[in-house]
Amino acid sequence: MFRSTPGDAPSSRGALAELEAASDGRLVASTLEGRREAFEVLVRRHQRGVVNHLYRLLGRRDAAMDVAQETFIRVYQSLDAFDPRYRFTTWLYRIASNGAIDRLRRRGLPTCSLNAGVVDEDGRVAEREFPADGPSPLDVLRCRELEDRIEAALAELPTAYRELILLRHRGQCRYDEIARITGLPLGTVKNRIFRARELMRERLADVLDVGGAP
């Protein structure tokens, strides 16, 4: 992606450290002022998260890398359109998600109706806890198996559902941020996330039903 050349590098370690510590908004402003290295810091800061987000939407690492590259090029070319009232990541993930949807459409993947569902309360995903002396090899194996099942359940979700779940739980986005990223009404975002969670619970019922008989 965007790489520094010797002539573009900051004149001192102090200048680079200053950029690394700057907020996204400050880096955007510095880029618009002509400091290309500020945008390189933005890319390094967010590239991994964007690629991972795109990989889970597209299911292919090469496609995720291609769309991530396209995303940062589009961001750079339209940086003056960024609204500093909002988080940079909200705008960035909107562009990335749109790029992924365009790629999926070119593949000709089927779509489905997304109108079902009702508004849920703001639930949280509980994390598995291990004893203080750490997980056993069997615990590690079970966790890996559960992670594989979760990833498979995510992959089976309709694309629009999967995007919302990933933005909510992997991207740690608020509902209003997801609405801005996707262009959907806030109520629709909540409805679809609830429906996506219900679909995943159905697919993972055998591993999530801890209250059933052994």
N, C-alpha and C. Protein backbone atom coordinates (compact mmCIF):
# COMPACT_ATOMS: atom_id res chain seq x y z
N MET A 1 0.83 -1.18 0.00
CA MET A 1 0.00 0.00 0.00
C MET A 1 0.88 1.24 0.00
N PHE A 2 0.46 2.30 0.67
CA PHE A 2 1.20 3.55 0.62
C PHE A 2 2.53 3.37 1.35
N ARG A 3 3.63 3.56 0.64
CA ARG A 3 4.95 3.37 1.24
C ARG A 3 5.74 4.68 1.16
N SER A 4 6.56 4.89 2.17
CA SER A 4 7.39 6.09 2.20
C SER A 4 8.56 5.95 1.25
N THR A 5 9.01 7.07 0.70
CA THR A 5 10.28 7.13 -0.01
C THR A 5 11.22 7.95 0.85
N PRO A 6 12.54 7.80 0.65
CA PRO A 6 13.46 8.52 1.52
C PRO A 6 13.18 10.01 1.58
N GLY A 7 12.77 10.62 0.44
CA GLY A 7 12.51 12.04 0.45
C GLY A 7 11.25 12.43 1.19
N ASP A 8 10.32 11.48 1.36
CA ASP A 8 9.06 11.77 2.03
C ASP A 8 9.13 11.57 3.53
N ALA A 9 10.19 10.90 4.03
CA ALA A 9 10.24 10.53 5.44
C ALA A 9 10.31 11.76 6.33
N PRO A 10 9.76 11.70 7.55
CA PRO A 10 9.88 12.83 8.50
C PRO A 10 11.34 13.15 8.76
N SER A 11 11.61 14.40 9.05
CA SER A 11 13.00 14.85 9.20
C SER A 11 13.63 14.37 10.48
N SER A 12 12.84 13.90 11.41
CA SER A 12 13.41 13.45 12.67
C SER A 12 12.50 12.41 13.29
N ARG A 13 13.06 11.64 14.23
CA ARG A 13 12.25 10.67 14.96
C ARG A 13 11.16 11.37 15.74
N GLY A 14 11.46 12.58 16.21
CA GLY A 14 10.46 13.32 16.97
C GLY A 14 9.24 13.64 16.14
N ALA A 15 9.45 13.99 14.86
CA ALA A 15 8.33 14.29 13.97
C ALA A 15 7.49 13.05 13.74
N LEU A 16 8.15 11.90 13.54
CA LEU A 16 7.42 10.65 13.33
C LEU A 16 6.65 10.27 14.59
N ALA A 17 7.29 10.42 15.75
CA ALA A 17 6.62 10.09 17.01
C ALA A 17 5.39 10.98 17.21
N GLU A 18 5.51 12.23 16.80
CA GLU A 18 4.38 13.15 16.92
C GLU A 18 3.22 12.69 16.07
N LEU A 19 3.51 12.24 14.85
CA LEU A 19 2.45 11.74 13.97
C LEU A 19 1.83 10.47 14.52
N GLU A 20 2.67 9.58 15.01
CA GLU A 20 2.16 8.32 15.54
C GLU A 20 1.21 8.55 16.72
N ALA A 21 1.45 9.59 17.48
CA ALA A 21 0.64 9.87 18.66
C ALA A 21 -0.60 10.72 18.33
N ALA A 22 -0.67 11.25 17.12
CA ALA A 22 -1.76 12.14 16.75
C ALA A 22 -3.06 11.38 16.57
N SER A 23 -4.17 12.08 16.76
CA SER A 23 -5.48 11.49 16.53
C SER A 23 -5.71 11.32 15.04
N ASP A 24 -6.70 10.50 14.68
CA ASP A 24 -7.03 10.32 13.26
C ASP A 24 -7.39 11.67 12.62
N GLY A 25 -8.17 12.47 13.33
CA GLY A 25 -8.57 13.76 12.79
C GLY A 25 -7.39 14.67 12.51
N ARG A 26 -6.41 14.66 13.42
CA ARG A 26 -5.21 15.47 13.23
C ARG A 26 -4.40 14.96 12.04
N LEU A 27 -4.35 13.64 11.86
CA LEU A 27 -3.62 13.07 10.73
C LEU A 27 -4.29 13.42 9.41
N VAL A 28 -5.63 13.42 9.40
CA VAL A 28 -6.35 13.83 8.20
C VAL A 28 -6.00 15.27 7.85
N ALA A 29 -6.04 16.14 8.87
CA ALA A 29 -5.73 17.55 8.64
C ALA A 29 -4.29 17.72 8.14
N SER A 30 -3.36 16.96 8.70
CA SER A 30 -1.96 17.06 8.29
C SER A 30 -1.79 16.58 6.85
N THR A 31 -2.52 15.53 6.48
CA THR A 31 -2.46 15.05 5.10
C THR A 31 -2.96 16.12 4.14
N LEU A 32 -4.06 16.78 4.50
CA LEU A 32 -4.61 17.83 3.65
C LEU A 32 -3.68 19.03 3.56
N GLU A 33 -2.81 19.18 4.57
CA GLU A 33 -1.82 20.26 4.55
C GLU A 33 -0.59 19.89 3.72
N GLY A 34 -0.56 18.67 3.19
CA GLY A 34 0.52 18.26 2.31
C GLY A 34 1.51 17.28 2.90
N ARG A 35 1.25 16.77 4.11
CA ARG A 35 2.18 15.82 4.73
C ARG A 35 1.72 14.39 4.42
N ARG A 36 2.26 13.84 3.35
CA ARG A 36 1.88 12.51 2.90
C ARG A 36 2.16 11.46 3.97
N GLU A 37 3.23 11.68 4.76
CA GLU A 37 3.59 10.69 5.77
C GLU A 37 2.49 10.57 6.83
N ALA A 38 1.67 11.60 7.00
CA ALA A 38 0.56 11.52 7.95
C ALA A 38 -0.46 10.49 7.48
N PHE A 39 -0.69 10.43 6.17
CA PHE A 39 -1.63 9.43 5.66
C PHE A 39 -1.04 8.03 5.78
N GLU A 40 0.26 7.90 5.63
CA GLU A 40 0.89 6.59 5.80
C GLU A 40 0.70 6.07 7.22
N VAL A 41 0.70 6.98 8.21
CA VAL A 41 0.42 6.58 9.58
C VAL A 41 -1.02 6.09 9.71
N LEU A 42 -1.95 6.77 9.07
CA LEU A 42 -3.35 6.33 9.08
C LEU A 42 -3.49 4.93 8.48
N VAL A 43 -2.80 4.69 7.38
CA VAL A 43 -2.87 3.37 6.74
C VAL A 43 -2.32 2.30 7.67
N ARG A 44 -1.15 2.54 8.26
CA ARG A 44 -0.56 1.55 9.17
C ARG A 44 -1.47 1.31 10.36
N ARG A 45 -2.11 2.35 10.84
CA ARG A 45 -2.97 2.25 12.03
C ARG A 45 -4.22 1.39 11.76
N HIS A 46 -4.79 1.51 10.58
CA HIS A 46 -6.09 0.90 10.32
C HIS A 46 -6.08 -0.23 9.29
N GLN A 47 -4.95 -0.47 8.65
CA GLN A 47 -4.91 -1.44 7.56
C GLN A 47 -5.33 -2.84 8.03
N ARG A 48 -4.80 -3.29 9.14
CA ARG A 48 -5.10 -4.64 9.60
C ARG A 48 -6.58 -4.81 9.89
N GLY A 49 -7.18 -3.84 10.59
CA GLY A 49 -8.60 -3.93 10.90
C GLY A 49 -9.46 -3.94 9.66
N VAL A 50 -9.11 -3.11 8.69
CA VAL A 50 -9.88 -3.06 7.44
C VAL A 50 -9.77 -4.37 6.68
N VAL A 51 -8.57 -4.90 6.58
CA VAL A 51 -8.38 -6.18 5.86
C VAL A 51 -9.16 -7.29 6.54
N ASN A 52 -9.10 -7.36 7.86
CA ASN A 52 -9.84 -8.40 8.58
C ASN A 52 -11.35 -8.25 8.37
N HIS A 53 -11.83 -7.02 8.42
CA HIS A 53 -13.25 -6.76 8.18
C HIS A 53 -13.65 -7.22 6.79
N LEU A 54 -12.85 -6.87 5.80
CA LEU A 54 -13.16 -7.24 4.42
C LEU A 54 -13.05 -8.75 4.20
N TYR A 55 -12.08 -9.38 4.86
CA TYR A 55 -11.94 -10.83 4.72
C TYR A 55 -13.18 -11.56 5.21
N ARG A 56 -13.74 -11.09 6.31
CA ARG A 56 -14.93 -11.75 6.84
C ARG A 56 -16.16 -11.47 5.98
N LEU A 57 -16.15 -10.37 5.24
CA LEU A 57 -17.25 -10.10 4.32
C LEU A 57 -17.09 -10.87 3.01
N LEU A 58 -15.85 -10.98 2.54
CA LEU A 58 -15.60 -11.54 1.22
C LEU A 58 -15.20 -13.01 1.24
N GLY A 59 -14.62 -13.46 2.36
CA GLY A 59 -14.25 -14.86 2.48
C GLY A 59 -12.97 -15.25 1.77
N ARG A 60 -12.26 -14.29 1.20
CA ARG A 60 -11.01 -14.57 0.49
C ARG A 60 -9.97 -13.52 0.84
N ARG A 61 -8.78 -13.98 1.22
CA ARG A 61 -7.74 -13.05 1.65
C ARG A 61 -7.27 -12.17 0.50
N ASP A 62 -7.11 -12.74 -0.70
CA ASP A 62 -6.63 -11.93 -1.82
C ASP A 62 -7.63 -10.84 -2.19
N ALA A 63 -8.93 -11.19 -2.15
CA ALA A 63 -9.95 -10.19 -2.44
C ALA A 63 -9.98 -9.11 -1.37
N ALA A 64 -9.81 -9.51 -0.11
CA ALA A 64 -9.79 -8.54 0.98
C ALA A 64 -8.62 -7.57 0.82
N MET A 65 -7.46 -8.07 0.45
CA MET A 65 -6.30 -7.21 0.26
C MET A 65 -6.52 -6.25 -0.91
N ASP A 66 -7.11 -6.75 -2.00
CA ASP A 66 -7.37 -5.89 -3.15
C ASP A 66 -8.34 -4.77 -2.80
N VAL A 67 -9.44 -5.12 -2.11
CA VAL A 67 -10.44 -4.12 -1.78
C VAL A 67 -9.89 -3.14 -0.73
N ALA A 68 -9.06 -3.62 0.18
CA ALA A 68 -8.42 -2.71 1.15
C ALA A 68 -7.55 -1.69 0.44
N GLN A 69 -6.78 -2.16 -0.54
CA GLN A 69 -5.95 -1.24 -1.32
C GLN A 69 -6.81 -0.19 -2.01
N GLU A 70 -7.89 -0.65 -2.64
CA GLU A 70 -8.81 0.27 -3.31
C GLU A 70 -9.43 1.25 -2.31
N THR A 71 -9.74 0.74 -1.11
CA THR A 71 -10.36 1.58 -0.08
C THR A 71 -9.46 2.74 0.30
N PHE A 72 -8.18 2.44 0.58
CA PHE A 72 -7.29 3.51 1.02
C PHE A 72 -6.98 4.49 -0.11
N ILE A 73 -6.98 4.01 -1.34
CA ILE A 73 -6.81 4.93 -2.47
C ILE A 73 -7.99 5.88 -2.56
N ARG A 74 -9.21 5.32 -2.43
CA ARG A 74 -10.41 6.16 -2.47
C ARG A 74 -10.43 7.15 -1.32
N VAL A 75 -10.03 6.70 -0.15
CA VAL A 75 -9.99 7.59 1.01
C VAL A 75 -9.02 8.74 0.75
N TYR A 76 -7.85 8.42 0.25
CA TYR A 76 -6.84 9.45 -0.01
C TYR A 76 -7.34 10.46 -1.04
N GLN A 77 -7.99 9.95 -2.09
CA GLN A 77 -8.44 10.83 -3.17
C GLN A 77 -9.60 11.73 -2.76
N SER A 78 -10.37 11.30 -1.74
CA SER A 78 -11.55 12.07 -1.35
C SER A 78 -11.45 12.58 0.09
N LEU A 79 -10.22 12.73 0.57
CA LEU A 79 -10.02 13.08 1.97
C LEU A 79 -10.62 14.44 2.32
N ASP A 80 -10.67 15.33 1.35
CA ASP A 80 -11.23 16.65 1.63
C ASP A 80 -12.74 16.60 1.87
N ALA A 81 -13.37 15.44 1.55
CA ALA A 81 -14.80 15.29 1.79
C ALA A 81 -15.11 14.74 3.18
N PHE A 82 -14.07 14.39 3.94
CA PHE A 82 -14.27 13.84 5.28
C PHE A 82 -14.86 14.90 6.20
N ASP A 83 -15.89 14.52 6.94
CA ASP A 83 -16.54 15.42 7.90
C ASP A 83 -15.92 15.18 9.29
N PRO A 84 -15.14 16.12 9.80
CA PRO A 84 -14.45 15.90 11.09
C PRO A 84 -15.39 15.82 12.28
N ARG A 85 -16.68 16.06 12.09
CA ARG A 85 -17.62 15.90 13.21
C ARG A 85 -17.80 14.44 13.58
N TYR A 86 -17.46 13.54 12.64
CA TYR A 86 -17.63 12.11 12.88
C TYR A 86 -16.27 11.43 12.98
N ARG A 87 -16.29 10.20 13.49
CA ARG A 87 -15.04 9.45 13.60
C ARG A 87 -14.52 9.09 12.21
N PHE A 88 -13.20 9.14 12.04
CA PHE A 88 -12.59 8.76 10.77
C PHE A 88 -12.90 7.31 10.44
N THR A 89 -12.90 6.43 11.46
CA THR A 89 -13.14 5.02 11.20
C THR A 89 -14.55 4.76 10.68
N THR A 90 -15.52 5.58 11.08
CA THR A 90 -16.88 5.42 10.55
C THR A 90 -16.88 5.63 9.04
N TRP A 91 -16.22 6.68 8.61
CA TRP A 91 -16.12 6.98 7.18
C TRP A 91 -15.29 5.93 6.45
N LEU A 92 -14.17 5.53 7.04
CA LEU A 92 -13.29 4.54 6.44
C LEU A 92 -14.02 3.21 6.22
N TYR A 93 -14.74 2.73 7.26
CA TYR A 93 -15.41 1.44 7.14
C TYR A 93 -16.61 1.51 6.20
N ARG A 94 -17.20 2.69 6.05
CA ARG A 94 -18.28 2.82 5.07
C ARG A 94 -17.73 2.61 3.66
N ILE A 95 -16.59 3.23 3.37
CA ILE A 95 -15.98 3.07 2.05
C ILE A 95 -15.55 1.62 1.83
N ALA A 96 -14.95 1.01 2.85
CA ALA A 96 -14.53 -0.39 2.75
C ALA A 96 -15.72 -1.31 2.53
N SER A 97 -16.79 -1.11 3.28
CA SER A 97 -17.97 -1.96 3.15
C SER A 97 -18.60 -1.81 1.79
N ASN A 98 -18.69 -0.58 1.29
CA ASN A 98 -19.24 -0.38 -0.05
C ASN A 98 -18.39 -1.07 -1.11
N GLY A 99 -17.07 -1.03 -0.92
CA GLY A 99 -16.20 -1.72 -1.86
C GLY A 99 -16.41 -3.22 -1.83
N ALA A 100 -16.62 -3.78 -0.64
CA ALA A 100 -16.87 -5.22 -0.52
C ALA A 100 -18.20 -5.59 -1.17
N ILE A 101 -19.22 -4.77 -0.96
CA ILE A 101 -20.53 -5.06 -1.56
C ILE A 101 -20.44 -5.00 -3.08
N ASP A 102 -19.71 -4.03 -3.59
CA ASP A 102 -19.52 -3.95 -5.05
C ASP A 102 -18.83 -5.21 -5.57
N ARG A 103 -17.82 -5.68 -4.85
CA ARG A 103 -17.10 -6.89 -5.27
C ARG A 103 -18.03 -8.10 -5.25
N LEU A 104 -18.86 -8.22 -4.22
CA LEU A 104 -19.79 -9.34 -4.13
C LEU A 104 -20.82 -9.28 -5.26
N ARG A 105 -21.27 -8.09 -5.59
CA ARG A 105 -22.23 -7.97 -6.69
C ARG A 105 -21.61 -8.40 -8.01
N ARG A 106 -20.34 -8.07 -8.20
CA ARG A 106 -19.66 -8.48 -9.43
C ARG A 106 -19.50 -9.99 -9.50
N ARG A 107 -19.41 -10.61 -8.31
CA ARG A 107 -19.36 -12.08 -8.29
C ARG A 107 -20.72 -12.70 -8.61
N GLY A 108 -21.79 -11.90 -8.48
CA GLY A 108 -23.12 -12.41 -8.76
C GLY A 108 -23.68 -13.27 -7.65
N LEU A 109 -23.33 -12.96 -6.38
CA LEU A 109 -23.84 -13.74 -5.27
C LEU A 109 -25.30 -13.43 -5.04
N PRO A 110 -26.12 -14.42 -4.62
CA PRO A 110 -27.54 -14.18 -4.40
C PRO A 110 -27.78 -13.29 -3.19
N THR A 111 -28.91 -12.57 -3.23
CA THR A 111 -29.31 -11.75 -2.10
C THR A 111 -30.62 -12.28 -1.55
N CYS A 112 -31.05 -11.75 -0.41
CA CYS A 112 -32.31 -12.20 0.17
C CYS A 112 -32.97 -11.05 0.90
N SER A 113 -34.22 -11.21 1.29
CA SER A 113 -34.95 -10.17 1.98
C SER A 113 -34.41 -10.02 3.40
N LEU A 114 -34.27 -8.76 3.84
CA LEU A 114 -33.70 -8.48 5.16
C LEU A 114 -34.67 -7.71 6.03
N ASN A 115 -35.96 -7.84 5.80
CA ASN A 115 -36.93 -7.02 6.50
C ASN A 115 -37.43 -7.64 7.79
N ALA A 116 -37.14 -8.93 8.02
CA ALA A 116 -37.68 -9.59 9.21
C ALA A 116 -36.92 -9.17 10.46
N GLY A 117 -37.53 -9.38 11.62
CA GLY A 117 -36.86 -9.12 12.88
C GLY A 117 -37.52 -8.05 13.70
N VAL A 118 -37.17 -7.99 15.00
CA VAL A 118 -37.72 -6.98 15.90
C VAL A 118 -36.57 -6.34 16.65
N VAL A 119 -36.79 -5.20 17.25
CA VAL A 119 -35.75 -4.48 17.97
C VAL A 119 -35.42 -5.20 19.27
N ASP A 120 -34.12 -5.39 19.52
CA ASP A 120 -33.68 -6.05 20.74
C ASP A 120 -33.12 -5.02 21.71
N GLU A 121 -32.90 -5.42 22.94
CA GLU A 121 -32.14 -4.57 23.86
C GLU A 121 -30.68 -4.72 23.52
N ASP A 122 -29.85 -3.81 23.96
CA ASP A 122 -28.44 -3.78 23.57
C ASP A 122 -27.68 -4.88 24.32
N GLY A 123 -27.63 -6.07 23.72
CA GLY A 123 -26.97 -7.20 24.37
C GLY A 123 -25.47 -7.15 24.21
N ARG A 124 -24.80 -7.91 25.00
CA ARG A 124 -23.34 -8.01 24.95
C ARG A 124 -22.94 -9.46 24.75
N VAL A 125 -21.78 -9.68 24.12
CA VAL A 125 -21.26 -11.02 23.94
C VAL A 125 -20.33 -11.35 25.10
N ALA A 126 -20.66 -12.38 25.85
CA ALA A 126 -19.84 -12.74 27.02
C ALA A 126 -18.55 -13.40 26.57
N GLU A 127 -17.47 -13.11 27.25
CA GLU A 127 -16.18 -13.73 26.96
C GLU A 127 -15.97 -14.94 27.86
N ARG A 128 -15.35 -15.98 27.26
CA ARG A 128 -15.03 -17.18 28.04
C ARG A 128 -13.91 -16.87 29.02
N GLU A 129 -14.05 -17.30 30.25
CA GLU A 129 -13.04 -17.05 31.27
C GLU A 129 -12.38 -18.38 31.67
N PHE A 130 -11.09 -18.31 31.93
CA PHE A 130 -10.32 -19.49 32.34
C PHE A 130 -9.78 -19.27 33.75
N PRO A 131 -9.44 -20.35 34.44
CA PRO A 131 -8.82 -20.21 35.75
C PRO A 131 -7.52 -19.42 35.65
N ALA A 132 -7.06 -18.92 36.82
CA ALA A 132 -5.88 -18.07 36.84
C ALA A 132 -4.64 -18.77 36.32
N ASP A 133 -4.57 -20.11 36.42
CA ASP A 133 -3.38 -20.82 35.96
C ASP A 133 -3.43 -21.10 34.46
N GLY A 134 -4.42 -20.57 33.76
CA GLY A 134 -4.45 -20.66 32.30
C GLY A 134 -5.26 -21.84 31.80
N PRO A 135 -5.62 -21.82 30.51
CA PRO A 135 -6.42 -22.89 29.92
C PRO A 135 -5.61 -24.16 29.74
N SER A 136 -6.31 -25.28 29.83
CA SER A 136 -5.67 -26.56 29.56
C SER A 136 -5.63 -26.78 28.05
N PRO A 137 -4.85 -27.75 27.56
CA PRO A 137 -4.86 -28.05 26.12
C PRO A 137 -6.26 -28.39 25.61
N LEU A 138 -7.06 -29.07 26.43
CA LEU A 138 -8.42 -29.38 26.02
C LEU A 138 -9.26 -28.11 25.90
N ASP A 139 -9.07 -27.17 26.85
CA ASP A 139 -9.77 -25.89 26.77
C ASP A 139 -9.41 -25.15 25.49
N VAL A 140 -8.12 -25.15 25.16
CA VAL A 140 -7.65 -24.47 23.95
C VAL A 140 -8.29 -25.10 22.71
N LEU A 141 -8.34 -26.43 22.68
CA LEU A 141 -8.93 -27.14 21.55
C LEU A 141 -10.41 -26.79 21.40
N ARG A 142 -11.10 -26.80 22.54
CA ARG A 142 -12.53 -26.48 22.50
C ARG A 142 -12.77 -25.06 22.02
N CYS A 143 -11.92 -24.13 22.48
CA CYS A 143 -12.07 -22.75 22.06
C CYS A 143 -11.84 -22.59 20.56
N ARG A 144 -10.84 -23.31 20.06
CA ARG A 144 -10.57 -23.24 18.62
C ARG A 144 -11.73 -23.81 17.83
N GLU A 145 -12.30 -24.91 18.33
CA GLU A 145 -13.45 -25.50 17.65
C GLU A 145 -14.63 -24.54 17.66
N LEU A 146 -14.83 -23.85 18.81
CA LEU A 146 -15.93 -22.90 18.91
C LEU A 146 -15.70 -21.72 17.97
N GLU A 147 -14.45 -21.24 17.90
CA GLU A 147 -14.14 -20.15 16.99
C GLU A 147 -14.42 -20.55 15.55
N ASP A 148 -14.07 -21.79 15.19
CA ASP A 148 -14.33 -22.28 13.83
C ASP A 148 -15.83 -22.32 13.55
N ARG A 149 -16.60 -22.75 14.55
CA ARG A 149 -18.05 -22.81 14.38
C ARG A 149 -18.64 -21.41 14.23
N ILE A 150 -18.13 -20.46 15.02
CA ILE A 150 -18.62 -19.08 14.94
C ILE A 150 -18.30 -18.48 13.58
N GLU A 151 -17.07 -18.70 13.10
CA GLU A 151 -16.70 -18.18 11.79
C GLU A 151 -17.57 -18.80 10.69
N ALA A 152 -17.86 -20.10 10.81
CA ALA A 152 -18.71 -20.76 9.83
C ALA A 152 -20.12 -20.19 9.87
N ALA A 153 -20.63 -19.93 11.08
CA ALA A 153 -21.97 -19.36 11.21
C ALA A 153 -22.01 -17.95 10.63
N LEU A 154 -20.95 -17.18 10.85
CA LEU A 154 -20.87 -15.85 10.25
C LEU A 154 -20.89 -15.93 8.73
N ALA A 155 -20.13 -16.87 8.19
CA ALA A 155 -20.03 -17.00 6.73
C ALA A 155 -21.38 -17.38 6.11
N GLU A 156 -22.25 -18.05 6.88
CA GLU A 156 -23.54 -18.46 6.35
C GLU A 156 -24.59 -17.36 6.41
N LEU A 157 -24.31 -16.28 7.14
CA LEU A 157 -25.26 -15.18 7.22
C LEU A 157 -25.36 -14.46 5.87
N PRO A 158 -26.54 -13.91 5.54
CA PRO A 158 -26.62 -13.03 4.37
C PRO A 158 -25.60 -11.90 4.51
N THR A 159 -25.06 -11.44 3.40
CA THR A 159 -23.98 -10.47 3.44
C THR A 159 -24.32 -9.23 4.26
N ALA A 160 -25.52 -8.68 4.08
CA ALA A 160 -25.88 -7.46 4.80
C ALA A 160 -25.95 -7.70 6.30
N TYR A 161 -26.44 -8.88 6.73
CA TYR A 161 -26.45 -9.22 8.15
C TYR A 161 -25.02 -9.33 8.68
N ARG A 162 -24.19 -10.03 7.91
CA ARG A 162 -22.81 -10.27 8.35
C ARG A 162 -22.07 -8.95 8.52
N GLU A 163 -22.27 -8.03 7.61
CA GLU A 163 -21.61 -6.73 7.70
C GLU A 163 -21.97 -6.02 9.00
N LEU A 164 -23.25 -6.04 9.37
CA LEU A 164 -23.69 -5.34 10.57
C LEU A 164 -23.13 -5.99 11.83
N ILE A 165 -23.14 -7.32 11.88
CA ILE A 165 -22.61 -8.03 13.04
C ILE A 165 -21.12 -7.74 13.21
N LEU A 166 -20.38 -7.73 12.11
CA LEU A 166 -18.95 -7.48 12.18
C LEU A 166 -18.66 -6.05 12.62
N LEU A 167 -19.42 -5.11 12.11
CA LEU A 167 -19.23 -3.72 12.53
C LEU A 167 -19.53 -3.55 14.01
N ARG A 168 -20.57 -4.25 14.49
CA ARG A 168 -20.98 -4.11 15.88
C ARG A 168 -20.00 -4.78 16.84
N HIS A 169 -19.65 -6.04 16.58
CA HIS A 169 -18.90 -6.82 17.56
C HIS A 169 -17.41 -6.89 17.27
N ARG A 170 -17.00 -6.80 16.02
CA ARG A 170 -15.57 -6.81 15.71
C ARG A 170 -15.04 -5.38 15.58
N GLY A 171 -15.85 -4.52 14.96
CA GLY A 171 -15.42 -3.14 14.81
C GLY A 171 -15.74 -2.27 15.99
N GLN A 172 -16.52 -2.81 16.97
CA GLN A 172 -16.89 -2.06 18.17
C GLN A 172 -17.59 -0.74 17.84
N CYS A 173 -18.38 -0.74 16.76
CA CYS A 173 -19.10 0.46 16.36
C CYS A 173 -20.43 0.56 17.12
N ARG A 174 -20.82 1.78 17.44
CA ARG A 174 -22.13 2.02 18.03
C ARG A 174 -23.20 1.90 16.95
N TYR A 175 -24.45 1.75 17.39
CA TYR A 175 -25.54 1.60 16.42
C TYR A 175 -25.63 2.82 15.50
N ASP A 176 -25.48 4.03 16.06
CA ASP A 176 -25.59 5.22 15.21
C ASP A 176 -24.44 5.29 14.21
N GLU A 177 -23.27 4.80 14.60
CA GLU A 177 -22.14 4.77 13.66
C GLU A 177 -22.40 3.77 12.54
N ILE A 178 -22.96 2.62 12.89
CA ILE A 178 -23.29 1.62 11.87
C ILE A 178 -24.31 2.19 10.89
N ALA A 179 -25.27 2.94 11.41
CA ALA A 179 -26.28 3.56 10.54
C ALA A 179 -25.61 4.51 9.55
N ARG A 180 -24.62 5.28 10.02
CA ARG A 180 -23.93 6.20 9.11
C ARG A 180 -23.09 5.44 8.10
N ILE A 181 -22.43 4.38 8.53
CA ILE A 181 -21.58 3.60 7.63
C ILE A 181 -22.40 2.96 6.52
N THR A 182 -23.54 2.40 6.87
CA THR A 182 -24.35 1.63 5.92
C THR A 182 -25.40 2.47 5.21
N GLY A 183 -25.72 3.65 5.77
CA GLY A 183 -26.79 4.45 5.20
C GLY A 183 -28.17 3.95 5.55
N LEU A 184 -28.28 3.06 6.52
CA LEU A 184 -29.57 2.51 6.93
C LEU A 184 -30.16 3.30 8.09
N PRO A 185 -31.49 3.31 8.21
CA PRO A 185 -32.10 3.92 9.39
C PRO A 185 -31.67 3.18 10.65
N LEU A 186 -31.60 3.91 11.77
CA LEU A 186 -31.14 3.33 13.02
C LEU A 186 -31.99 2.14 13.44
N GLY A 187 -33.32 2.26 13.32
CA GLY A 187 -34.19 1.15 13.69
C GLY A 187 -33.95 -0.09 12.86
N THR A 188 -33.67 0.10 11.57
CA THR A 188 -33.38 -1.03 10.68
C THR A 188 -32.08 -1.72 11.10
N VAL A 189 -31.08 -0.92 11.47
CA VAL A 189 -29.81 -1.49 11.94
C VAL A 189 -30.06 -2.39 13.16
N LYS A 190 -30.82 -1.89 14.14
CA LYS A 190 -31.09 -2.67 15.34
C LYS A 190 -31.87 -3.94 15.00
N ASN A 191 -32.87 -3.82 14.14
CA ASN A 191 -33.67 -4.99 13.76
C ASN A 191 -32.80 -6.07 13.12
N ARG A 192 -31.95 -5.65 12.19
CA ARG A 192 -31.16 -6.64 11.44
C ARG A 192 -30.08 -7.28 12.31
N ILE A 193 -29.49 -6.50 13.21
CA ILE A 193 -28.51 -7.08 14.12
C ILE A 193 -29.18 -8.11 15.02
N PHE A 194 -30.37 -7.79 15.51
CA PHE A 194 -31.10 -8.75 16.32
C PHE A 194 -31.39 -10.02 15.53
N ARG A 195 -31.84 -9.86 14.29
CA ARG A 195 -32.15 -11.03 13.46
C ARG A 195 -30.89 -11.84 13.17
N ALA A 196 -29.77 -11.15 12.93
CA ALA A 196 -28.50 -11.84 12.68
C ALA A 196 -28.08 -12.65 13.89
N ARG A 197 -28.25 -12.08 15.10
CA ARG A 197 -27.91 -12.81 16.32
C ARG A 197 -28.79 -14.05 16.48
N GLU A 198 -30.07 -13.89 16.15
CA GLU A 198 -30.98 -15.03 16.25
C GLU A 198 -30.56 -16.14 15.29
N LEU A 199 -30.19 -15.79 14.08
CA LEU A 199 -29.74 -16.79 13.11
C LEU A 199 -28.48 -17.50 13.59
N MET A 200 -27.56 -16.74 14.19
CA MET A 200 -26.34 -17.36 14.68
C MET A 200 -26.63 -18.25 15.88
N ARG A 201 -27.54 -17.85 16.75
CA ARG A 201 -27.92 -18.71 17.89
C ARG A 201 -28.50 -20.03 17.39
N GLU A 202 -29.30 -19.97 16.34
CA GLU A 202 -29.88 -21.21 15.79
C GLU A 202 -28.79 -22.13 15.25
N ARG A 203 -27.80 -21.54 14.57
CA ARG A 203 -26.73 -22.35 13.99
C ARG A 203 -25.76 -22.89 15.05
N LEU A 204 -25.70 -22.21 16.20
CA LEU A 204 -24.77 -22.61 17.26
C LEU A 204 -25.50 -23.19 18.47
N ALA A 205 -26.75 -23.59 18.28
CA ALA A 205 -27.58 -24.03 19.41
C ALA A 205 -26.94 -25.18 20.17
N ASP A 206 -26.29 -26.10 19.47
CA ASP A 206 -25.75 -27.28 20.15
C ASP A 206 -24.56 -26.94 21.04
N VAL A 207 -23.83 -25.85 20.75
CA VAL A 207 -22.67 -25.49 21.57
C VAL A 207 -23.03 -24.39 22.58
N LEU A 208 -24.13 -23.68 22.36
CA LEU A 208 -24.52 -22.61 23.28
C LEU A 208 -25.51 -23.06 24.35
N ASP A 209 -26.13 -24.22 24.16
CA ASP A 209 -27.15 -24.70 25.10
C ASP A 209 -26.48 -25.34 26.30
N VAL A 210 -25.95 -24.47 27.17
CA VAL A 210 -25.23 -24.99 28.35
C VAL A 210 -26.16 -25.47 29.42
N GLY A 211 -27.48 -25.13 29.31
CA GLY A 211 -28.40 -25.53 30.35
C GLY A 211 -29.04 -26.87 30.11
N GLY A 212 -28.73 -27.47 28.96
CA GLY A 212 -29.36 -28.75 28.63
C GLY A 212 -28.71 -29.91 29.33
N ALA A 213 -29.20 -31.08 29.02
CA ALA A 213 -28.67 -32.29 29.65
C ALA A 213 -27.28 -32.56 29.14
N PRO A 214 -26.38 -33.16 29.98
CA PRO A 214 -25.01 -33.44 29.54
C PRO A 214 -24.99 -34.53 28.48
